[in-house]
Amino acid sequence: MYLIDDVTKMTGLTKRALRYYEEIGLILPPQRTKGNARIYSEEEVKELRKVAEAKEVLGFSLQELQQFMSLKRMIEERSEQQGLSAKEITKIENLLENQIKMIEFKVVKMQAFKTELEEMRESAMKIHEKTKTKGEMKEWKDSIQITD
């Protein structure tokens, strides 16, 4: 079990973010000590790392993350109980399909941005080649870690 200070170091999230995520229902409220301090399990820390990664690296909004987390909880709760009705399964499949499409859209956008950055880097290298000697060019390439 981890106190909130430990969790902030492990996840890169602030105390304020952790409290806010709890407040909006993005994460379930953690257990509390007798002194009312939040304590997080290893599983909760893993979930928070995924949230931080999805938000920071993948660019998900809090609303998108809330939809994902509520869907995940719904599946977990229903699978632990008696199962799902055909209507619930269809709803979950549709929600998952929408999330997959959203991710695919973001991947396409990220790839396009990456391609643009690579083109800009190539243009910068060509300009630099025209203005610098070969030795200076090698030194510059080495400084930005580009190999021939």
N, C-alpha and C. Protein backbone atom coordinates (compact mmCIF):
# COMPACT_ATOMS: atom_id res chain seq x y z
N MET A 1 0.84 -1.18 0.00
CA MET A 1 0.00 0.00 0.00
C MET A 1 0.88 1.25 0.00
N TYR A 2 0.43 2.26 -0.71
CA TYR A 2 1.23 3.47 -0.89
C TYR A 2 0.44 4.71 -0.48
N LEU A 3 1.12 5.63 0.18
CA LEU A 3 0.51 6.92 0.51
C LEU A 3 0.53 7.81 -0.73
N ILE A 4 -0.25 8.86 -0.70
CA ILE A 4 -0.41 9.74 -1.86
C ILE A 4 0.93 10.33 -2.32
N ASP A 5 1.81 10.67 -1.38
CA ASP A 5 3.13 11.21 -1.77
C ASP A 5 3.92 10.19 -2.59
N ASP A 6 3.85 8.92 -2.18
CA ASP A 6 4.55 7.87 -2.93
C ASP A 6 3.96 7.72 -4.33
N VAL A 7 2.64 7.78 -4.41
CA VAL A 7 1.95 7.59 -5.69
C VAL A 7 2.29 8.72 -6.65
N THR A 8 2.41 9.94 -6.14
CA THR A 8 2.76 11.06 -7.03
C THR A 8 4.14 10.84 -7.65
N LYS A 9 5.07 10.31 -6.86
CA LYS A 9 6.42 10.04 -7.38
C LYS A 9 6.41 8.89 -8.37
N MET A 10 5.58 7.90 -8.13
CA MET A 10 5.54 6.71 -8.98
C MET A 10 4.82 6.96 -10.31
N THR A 11 3.88 7.89 -10.32
CA THR A 11 3.06 8.10 -11.52
C THR A 11 3.35 9.40 -12.26
N GLY A 12 3.98 10.36 -11.56
CA GLY A 12 4.20 11.67 -12.17
C GLY A 12 2.98 12.57 -12.07
N LEU A 13 1.93 12.10 -11.43
CA LEU A 13 0.72 12.91 -11.25
C LEU A 13 0.86 13.72 -9.97
N THR A 14 0.18 14.84 -9.91
CA THR A 14 0.20 15.65 -8.70
C THR A 14 -0.87 15.16 -7.72
N LYS A 15 -0.74 15.57 -6.48
CA LYS A 15 -1.77 15.25 -5.47
C LYS A 15 -3.11 15.82 -5.92
N ARG A 16 -3.05 17.03 -6.43
CA ARG A 16 -4.29 17.68 -6.89
C ARG A 16 -4.95 16.87 -8.00
N ALA A 17 -4.14 16.36 -8.94
CA ALA A 17 -4.69 15.56 -10.03
C ALA A 17 -5.32 14.27 -9.49
N LEU A 18 -4.65 13.62 -8.55
CA LEU A 18 -5.18 12.38 -7.98
C LEU A 18 -6.53 12.65 -7.30
N ARG A 19 -6.60 13.71 -6.54
CA ARG A 19 -7.86 14.05 -5.85
C ARG A 19 -8.96 14.40 -6.86
N TYR A 20 -8.58 15.12 -7.91
CA TYR A 20 -9.55 15.51 -8.93
C TYR A 20 -10.05 14.27 -9.68
N TYR A 21 -9.15 13.37 -10.04
CA TYR A 21 -9.56 12.15 -10.74
C TYR A 21 -10.53 11.35 -9.89
N GLU A 22 -10.30 11.34 -8.60
CA GLU A 22 -11.22 10.66 -7.68
C GLU A 22 -12.57 11.39 -7.66
N GLU A 23 -12.52 12.71 -7.57
CA GLU A 23 -13.72 13.54 -7.50
C GLU A 23 -14.62 13.35 -8.72
N ILE A 24 -14.04 13.27 -9.92
CA ILE A 24 -14.84 13.15 -11.14
C ILE A 24 -15.17 11.70 -11.49
N GLY A 25 -14.68 10.78 -10.68
CA GLY A 25 -15.01 9.37 -10.91
C GLY A 25 -14.11 8.67 -11.91
N LEU A 26 -13.02 9.31 -12.28
CA LEU A 26 -12.08 8.67 -13.20
C LEU A 26 -11.43 7.46 -12.53
N ILE A 27 -11.13 7.61 -11.26
CA ILE A 27 -10.63 6.48 -10.46
C ILE A 27 -11.57 6.30 -9.27
N LEU A 28 -11.61 5.10 -8.77
CA LEU A 28 -12.42 4.84 -7.58
C LEU A 28 -11.70 5.40 -6.36
N PRO A 29 -12.45 5.83 -5.35
CA PRO A 29 -11.80 6.34 -4.15
C PRO A 29 -10.92 5.25 -3.50
N PRO A 30 -9.69 5.59 -3.17
CA PRO A 30 -8.82 4.59 -2.55
C PRO A 30 -9.21 4.37 -1.09
N GLN A 31 -8.66 3.33 -0.51
CA GLN A 31 -8.89 3.09 0.92
C GLN A 31 -8.27 4.24 1.70
N ARG A 32 -8.64 4.32 2.97
CA ARG A 32 -8.10 5.37 3.82
C ARG A 32 -7.54 4.76 5.10
N THR A 33 -6.55 5.43 5.66
CA THR A 33 -6.00 5.00 6.94
C THR A 33 -6.93 5.50 8.05
N LYS A 34 -6.64 5.13 9.28
CA LYS A 34 -7.43 5.61 10.41
C LYS A 34 -7.33 7.12 10.54
N GLY A 35 -6.21 7.67 10.08
CA GLY A 35 -6.03 9.12 10.08
C GLY A 35 -6.63 9.79 8.85
N ASN A 36 -7.36 9.03 8.02
CA ASN A 36 -8.06 9.51 6.83
C ASN A 36 -7.14 9.81 5.64
N ALA A 37 -5.90 9.34 5.68
CA ALA A 37 -4.99 9.53 4.54
C ALA A 37 -5.32 8.50 3.46
N ARG A 38 -5.22 8.92 2.22
CA ARG A 38 -5.45 7.98 1.12
C ARG A 38 -4.30 6.98 1.04
N ILE A 39 -4.66 5.70 0.84
CA ILE A 39 -3.64 4.68 0.59
C ILE A 39 -4.05 3.90 -0.66
N TYR A 40 -3.09 3.71 -1.52
CA TYR A 40 -3.33 3.11 -2.82
C TYR A 40 -2.68 1.73 -2.90
N SER A 41 -3.38 0.79 -3.53
CA SER A 41 -2.84 -0.55 -3.73
C SER A 41 -1.94 -0.54 -4.97
N GLU A 42 -1.20 -1.61 -5.14
CA GLU A 42 -0.35 -1.76 -6.33
C GLU A 42 -1.20 -1.69 -7.60
N GLU A 43 -2.36 -2.33 -7.57
CA GLU A 43 -3.27 -2.33 -8.72
C GLU A 43 -3.76 -0.92 -9.04
N GLU A 44 -4.08 -0.15 -8.02
CA GLU A 44 -4.52 1.24 -8.24
C GLU A 44 -3.40 2.09 -8.81
N VAL A 45 -2.17 1.85 -8.37
CA VAL A 45 -1.02 2.59 -8.91
C VAL A 45 -0.83 2.23 -10.38
N LYS A 46 -0.97 0.97 -10.73
CA LYS A 46 -0.86 0.55 -12.14
C LYS A 46 -1.92 1.25 -12.98
N GLU A 47 -3.14 1.31 -12.45
CA GLU A 47 -4.23 1.98 -13.17
C GLU A 47 -3.92 3.46 -13.36
N LEU A 48 -3.39 4.09 -12.33
CA LEU A 48 -3.04 5.51 -12.43
C LEU A 48 -1.92 5.75 -13.43
N ARG A 49 -0.98 4.84 -13.50
CA ARG A 49 0.09 4.96 -14.51
C ARG A 49 -0.50 4.90 -15.92
N LYS A 50 -1.46 3.99 -16.11
CA LYS A 50 -2.11 3.89 -17.42
C LYS A 50 -2.86 5.17 -17.76
N VAL A 51 -3.53 5.74 -16.76
CA VAL A 51 -4.26 6.99 -16.97
C VAL A 51 -3.29 8.10 -17.35
N ALA A 52 -2.19 8.21 -16.62
CA ALA A 52 -1.20 9.25 -16.90
C ALA A 52 -0.62 9.08 -18.29
N GLU A 53 -0.30 7.84 -18.66
CA GLU A 53 0.25 7.57 -19.98
C GLU A 53 -0.75 7.88 -21.08
N ALA A 54 -1.99 7.47 -20.90
CA ALA A 54 -3.02 7.73 -21.90
C ALA A 54 -3.25 9.22 -22.08
N LYS A 55 -3.17 9.95 -21.00
CA LYS A 55 -3.40 11.40 -21.07
C LYS A 55 -2.19 12.11 -21.67
N GLU A 56 -1.01 11.81 -21.17
CA GLU A 56 0.18 12.54 -21.59
C GLU A 56 0.73 12.07 -22.93
N VAL A 57 0.89 10.79 -23.09
CA VAL A 57 1.53 10.27 -24.29
C VAL A 57 0.55 10.16 -25.45
N LEU A 58 -0.63 9.64 -25.17
CA LEU A 58 -1.58 9.39 -26.24
C LEU A 58 -2.54 10.55 -26.49
N GLY A 59 -2.55 11.52 -25.58
CA GLY A 59 -3.37 12.71 -25.80
C GLY A 59 -4.86 12.52 -25.54
N PHE A 60 -5.23 11.56 -24.70
CA PHE A 60 -6.64 11.37 -24.39
C PHE A 60 -7.13 12.48 -23.48
N SER A 61 -8.36 12.91 -23.69
CA SER A 61 -8.97 13.90 -22.80
C SER A 61 -9.48 13.17 -21.56
N LEU A 62 -9.77 13.93 -20.52
CA LEU A 62 -10.32 13.32 -19.31
C LEU A 62 -11.67 12.67 -19.59
N GLN A 63 -12.46 13.27 -20.46
CA GLN A 63 -13.76 12.69 -20.82
C GLN A 63 -13.57 11.34 -21.51
N GLU A 64 -12.62 11.25 -22.42
CA GLU A 64 -12.35 9.98 -23.10
C GLU A 64 -11.86 8.93 -22.10
N LEU A 65 -11.02 9.36 -21.16
CA LEU A 65 -10.53 8.44 -20.14
C LEU A 65 -11.66 7.99 -19.22
N GLN A 66 -12.58 8.89 -18.88
CA GLN A 66 -13.72 8.51 -18.04
C GLN A 66 -14.56 7.45 -18.74
N GLN A 67 -14.80 7.62 -20.03
CA GLN A 67 -15.58 6.63 -20.78
C GLN A 67 -14.89 5.28 -20.77
N PHE A 68 -13.60 5.29 -20.99
CA PHE A 68 -12.83 4.05 -21.01
C PHE A 68 -12.88 3.37 -19.64
N MET A 69 -12.62 4.14 -18.57
CA MET A 69 -12.58 3.55 -17.23
C MET A 69 -13.95 3.04 -16.80
N SER A 70 -15.01 3.75 -17.13
CA SER A 70 -16.34 3.27 -16.75
C SER A 70 -16.69 2.00 -17.52
N LEU A 71 -16.29 1.94 -18.77
CA LEU A 71 -16.52 0.74 -19.57
C LEU A 71 -15.73 -0.44 -19.00
N LYS A 72 -14.49 -0.19 -18.64
CA LYS A 72 -13.65 -1.24 -18.04
C LYS A 72 -14.28 -1.76 -16.75
N ARG A 73 -14.74 -0.85 -15.90
CA ARG A 73 -15.37 -1.25 -14.64
C ARG A 73 -16.65 -2.04 -14.89
N MET A 74 -17.44 -1.60 -15.88
CA MET A 74 -18.68 -2.30 -16.20
C MET A 74 -18.39 -3.75 -16.61
N ILE A 75 -17.40 -3.93 -17.44
CA ILE A 75 -17.04 -5.28 -17.89
C ILE A 75 -16.57 -6.12 -16.71
N GLU A 76 -15.71 -5.54 -15.87
CA GLU A 76 -15.19 -6.28 -14.72
C GLU A 76 -16.30 -6.66 -13.74
N GLU A 77 -17.20 -5.71 -13.46
CA GLU A 77 -18.30 -5.98 -12.52
C GLU A 77 -19.23 -7.05 -13.07
N ARG A 78 -19.59 -6.93 -14.33
CA ARG A 78 -20.54 -7.88 -14.92
C ARG A 78 -19.94 -9.27 -15.06
N SER A 79 -18.66 -9.34 -15.37
CA SER A 79 -18.05 -10.66 -15.54
C SER A 79 -17.90 -11.37 -14.19
N GLU A 80 -17.77 -10.59 -13.10
CA GLU A 80 -17.69 -11.18 -11.77
C GLU A 80 -19.06 -11.65 -11.29
N GLN A 81 -20.12 -11.06 -11.81
CA GLN A 81 -21.47 -11.44 -11.41
C GLN A 81 -21.95 -12.60 -12.28
N GLN A 82 -23.15 -12.52 -12.77
CA GLN A 82 -23.74 -13.61 -13.52
C GLN A 82 -23.52 -13.52 -15.02
N GLY A 83 -22.87 -12.50 -15.50
CA GLY A 83 -22.65 -12.37 -16.93
C GLY A 83 -23.38 -11.17 -17.49
N LEU A 84 -23.45 -11.11 -18.79
CA LEU A 84 -24.03 -9.97 -19.48
C LEU A 84 -25.19 -10.42 -20.36
N SER A 85 -26.17 -9.55 -20.48
CA SER A 85 -27.27 -9.82 -21.41
C SER A 85 -26.80 -9.51 -22.83
N ALA A 86 -27.54 -9.97 -23.80
CA ALA A 86 -27.19 -9.70 -25.20
C ALA A 86 -27.19 -8.20 -25.47
N LYS A 87 -28.11 -7.47 -24.85
CA LYS A 87 -28.20 -6.02 -25.03
C LYS A 87 -26.96 -5.34 -24.45
N GLU A 88 -26.53 -5.78 -23.27
CA GLU A 88 -25.34 -5.20 -22.64
C GLU A 88 -24.08 -5.50 -23.45
N ILE A 89 -23.99 -6.71 -23.98
CA ILE A 89 -22.83 -7.09 -24.80
C ILE A 89 -22.77 -6.23 -26.05
N THR A 90 -23.91 -6.02 -26.69
CA THR A 90 -23.96 -5.18 -27.90
C THR A 90 -23.54 -3.75 -27.57
N LYS A 91 -24.01 -3.23 -26.44
CA LYS A 91 -23.65 -1.87 -26.01
C LYS A 91 -22.13 -1.77 -25.80
N ILE A 92 -21.58 -2.75 -25.10
CA ILE A 92 -20.14 -2.75 -24.83
C ILE A 92 -19.35 -2.86 -26.12
N GLU A 93 -19.77 -3.74 -27.02
CA GLU A 93 -19.08 -3.88 -28.30
C GLU A 93 -19.07 -2.56 -29.08
N ASN A 94 -20.21 -1.87 -29.09
CA ASN A 94 -20.30 -0.58 -29.79
C ASN A 94 -19.39 0.47 -29.15
N LEU A 95 -19.38 0.52 -27.82
CA LEU A 95 -18.51 1.47 -27.13
C LEU A 95 -17.04 1.16 -27.40
N LEU A 96 -16.69 -0.11 -27.37
CA LEU A 96 -15.30 -0.49 -27.65
C LEU A 96 -14.92 -0.17 -29.09
N GLU A 97 -15.83 -0.41 -30.01
CA GLU A 97 -15.57 -0.10 -31.43
C GLU A 97 -15.33 1.40 -31.59
N ASN A 98 -16.11 2.22 -30.91
CA ASN A 98 -15.91 3.67 -30.98
C ASN A 98 -14.55 4.07 -30.42
N GLN A 99 -14.15 3.45 -29.32
CA GLN A 99 -12.84 3.76 -28.73
C GLN A 99 -11.71 3.34 -29.67
N ILE A 100 -11.85 2.19 -30.28
CA ILE A 100 -10.83 1.71 -31.23
C ILE A 100 -10.72 2.67 -32.41
N LYS A 101 -11.84 3.11 -32.95
CA LYS A 101 -11.82 4.06 -34.07
C LYS A 101 -11.16 5.38 -33.67
N MET A 102 -11.44 5.83 -32.43
CA MET A 102 -10.83 7.07 -31.95
C MET A 102 -9.31 6.91 -31.88
N ILE A 103 -8.85 5.79 -31.39
CA ILE A 103 -7.41 5.54 -31.29
C ILE A 103 -6.80 5.47 -32.68
N GLU A 104 -7.45 4.77 -33.60
CA GLU A 104 -6.95 4.68 -34.97
C GLU A 104 -6.84 6.06 -35.60
N PHE A 105 -7.80 6.92 -35.36
CA PHE A 105 -7.78 8.29 -35.87
C PHE A 105 -6.58 9.04 -35.31
N LYS A 106 -6.35 8.90 -34.01
CA LYS A 106 -5.23 9.58 -33.38
C LYS A 106 -3.90 9.07 -33.91
N VAL A 107 -3.81 7.77 -34.15
CA VAL A 107 -2.57 7.19 -34.68
C VAL A 107 -2.27 7.78 -36.06
N VAL A 108 -3.29 7.90 -36.90
CA VAL A 108 -3.10 8.49 -38.23
C VAL A 108 -2.62 9.93 -38.11
N LYS A 109 -3.24 10.69 -37.21
CA LYS A 109 -2.83 12.09 -37.02
C LYS A 109 -1.40 12.18 -36.49
N MET A 110 -1.04 11.31 -35.56
CA MET A 110 0.32 11.32 -35.00
C MET A 110 1.34 10.94 -36.08
N GLN A 111 1.01 9.98 -36.90
CA GLN A 111 1.91 9.56 -37.97
C GLN A 111 2.13 10.69 -38.97
N ALA A 112 1.07 11.41 -39.29
CA ALA A 112 1.19 12.54 -40.21
C ALA A 112 2.08 13.63 -39.60
N PHE A 113 1.92 13.89 -38.32
CA PHE A 113 2.74 14.88 -37.64
C PHE A 113 4.20 14.44 -37.61
N LYS A 114 4.43 13.16 -37.34
CA LYS A 114 5.79 12.61 -37.33
C LYS A 114 6.44 12.78 -38.70
N THR A 115 5.70 12.48 -39.74
CA THR A 115 6.21 12.62 -41.11
C THR A 115 6.59 14.07 -41.39
N GLU A 116 5.76 15.00 -40.97
CA GLU A 116 6.04 16.41 -41.16
C GLU A 116 7.31 16.83 -40.42
N LEU A 117 7.48 16.34 -39.19
CA LEU A 117 8.69 16.65 -38.43
C LEU A 117 9.93 16.08 -39.11
N GLU A 118 9.83 14.88 -39.63
CA GLU A 118 10.97 14.27 -40.33
C GLU A 118 11.34 15.07 -41.57
N GLU A 119 10.34 15.55 -42.29
CA GLU A 119 10.59 16.38 -43.48
C GLU A 119 11.26 17.69 -43.08
N MET A 120 10.82 18.27 -42.00
CA MET A 120 11.43 19.51 -41.51
C MET A 120 12.88 19.27 -41.13
N ARG A 121 13.15 18.14 -40.48
CA ARG A 121 14.53 17.81 -40.09
C ARG A 121 15.40 17.66 -41.33
N GLU A 122 14.90 16.99 -42.36
CA GLU A 122 15.66 16.82 -43.61
C GLU A 122 15.94 18.17 -44.26
N SER A 123 14.95 19.05 -44.25
CA SER A 123 15.14 20.40 -44.82
C SER A 123 16.22 21.15 -44.05
N ALA A 124 16.19 21.05 -42.72
CA ALA A 124 17.19 21.71 -41.90
C ALA A 124 18.58 21.17 -42.19
N MET A 125 18.68 19.87 -42.40
CA MET A 125 19.98 19.26 -42.69
C MET A 125 20.51 19.73 -44.05
N LYS A 126 19.64 19.86 -45.02
CA LYS A 126 20.06 20.33 -46.35
C LYS A 126 20.56 21.78 -46.28
N ILE A 127 19.84 22.60 -45.55
CA ILE A 127 20.27 23.99 -45.38
C ILE A 127 21.62 24.04 -44.70
N HIS A 128 21.76 23.23 -43.66
CA HIS A 128 23.01 23.20 -42.92
C HIS A 128 24.17 22.71 -43.79
N GLU A 129 23.90 21.72 -44.63
CA GLU A 129 24.93 21.19 -45.54
C GLU A 129 25.43 22.26 -46.49
N LYS A 130 24.54 23.11 -46.96
CA LYS A 130 24.92 24.16 -47.89
C LYS A 130 25.78 25.23 -47.23
N THR A 131 25.62 25.41 -45.95
CA THR A 131 26.29 26.52 -45.28
C THR A 131 27.51 26.12 -44.45
N LYS A 132 27.71 24.84 -44.24
CA LYS A 132 28.80 24.40 -43.36
C LYS A 132 29.77 23.48 -44.10
N THR A 133 30.96 23.40 -43.56
CA THR A 133 31.95 22.48 -44.10
C THR A 133 31.58 21.06 -43.67
N LYS A 134 32.22 20.09 -44.29
CA LYS A 134 31.94 18.68 -43.99
C LYS A 134 32.20 18.37 -42.51
N GLY A 135 33.28 18.87 -41.96
CA GLY A 135 33.60 18.61 -40.55
C GLY A 135 32.55 19.20 -39.63
N GLU A 136 32.13 20.41 -39.94
CA GLU A 136 31.09 21.04 -39.12
C GLU A 136 29.76 20.30 -39.25
N MET A 137 29.49 19.77 -40.47
CA MET A 137 28.25 19.02 -40.69
C MET A 137 28.24 17.75 -39.86
N LYS A 138 29.38 17.02 -39.82
CA LYS A 138 29.46 15.80 -39.02
C LYS A 138 29.27 16.12 -37.54
N GLU A 139 29.90 17.20 -37.10
CA GLU A 139 29.77 17.62 -35.70
C GLU A 139 28.32 17.96 -35.37
N TRP A 140 27.63 18.64 -36.29
CA TRP A 140 26.24 19.00 -36.08
C TRP A 140 25.37 17.75 -36.04
N LYS A 141 25.57 16.81 -36.99
CA LYS A 141 24.80 15.57 -37.00
C LYS A 141 25.03 14.79 -35.71
N ASP A 142 26.26 14.73 -35.27
CA ASP A 142 26.57 14.03 -34.02
C ASP A 142 25.86 14.67 -32.83
N SER A 143 25.77 16.00 -32.86
CA SER A 143 25.16 16.70 -31.73
C SER A 143 23.66 16.43 -31.65
N ILE A 144 23.02 16.11 -32.79
CA ILE A 144 21.58 15.79 -32.75
C ILE A 144 21.35 14.29 -32.93
N GLN A 145 22.44 13.53 -32.84
CA GLN A 145 22.42 12.06 -32.86
C GLN A 145 21.80 11.48 -34.12
N ILE A 146 22.22 11.99 -35.26
CA ILE A 146 21.81 11.45 -36.55
C ILE A 146 23.01 10.72 -37.14
N THR A 147 22.79 9.53 -37.60
CA THR A 147 23.89 8.78 -38.23
C THR A 147 23.65 8.71 -39.73
N ASP A 148 24.75 8.61 -40.45
CA ASP A 148 24.66 8.51 -41.91
C ASP A 148 24.17 7.14 -42.32
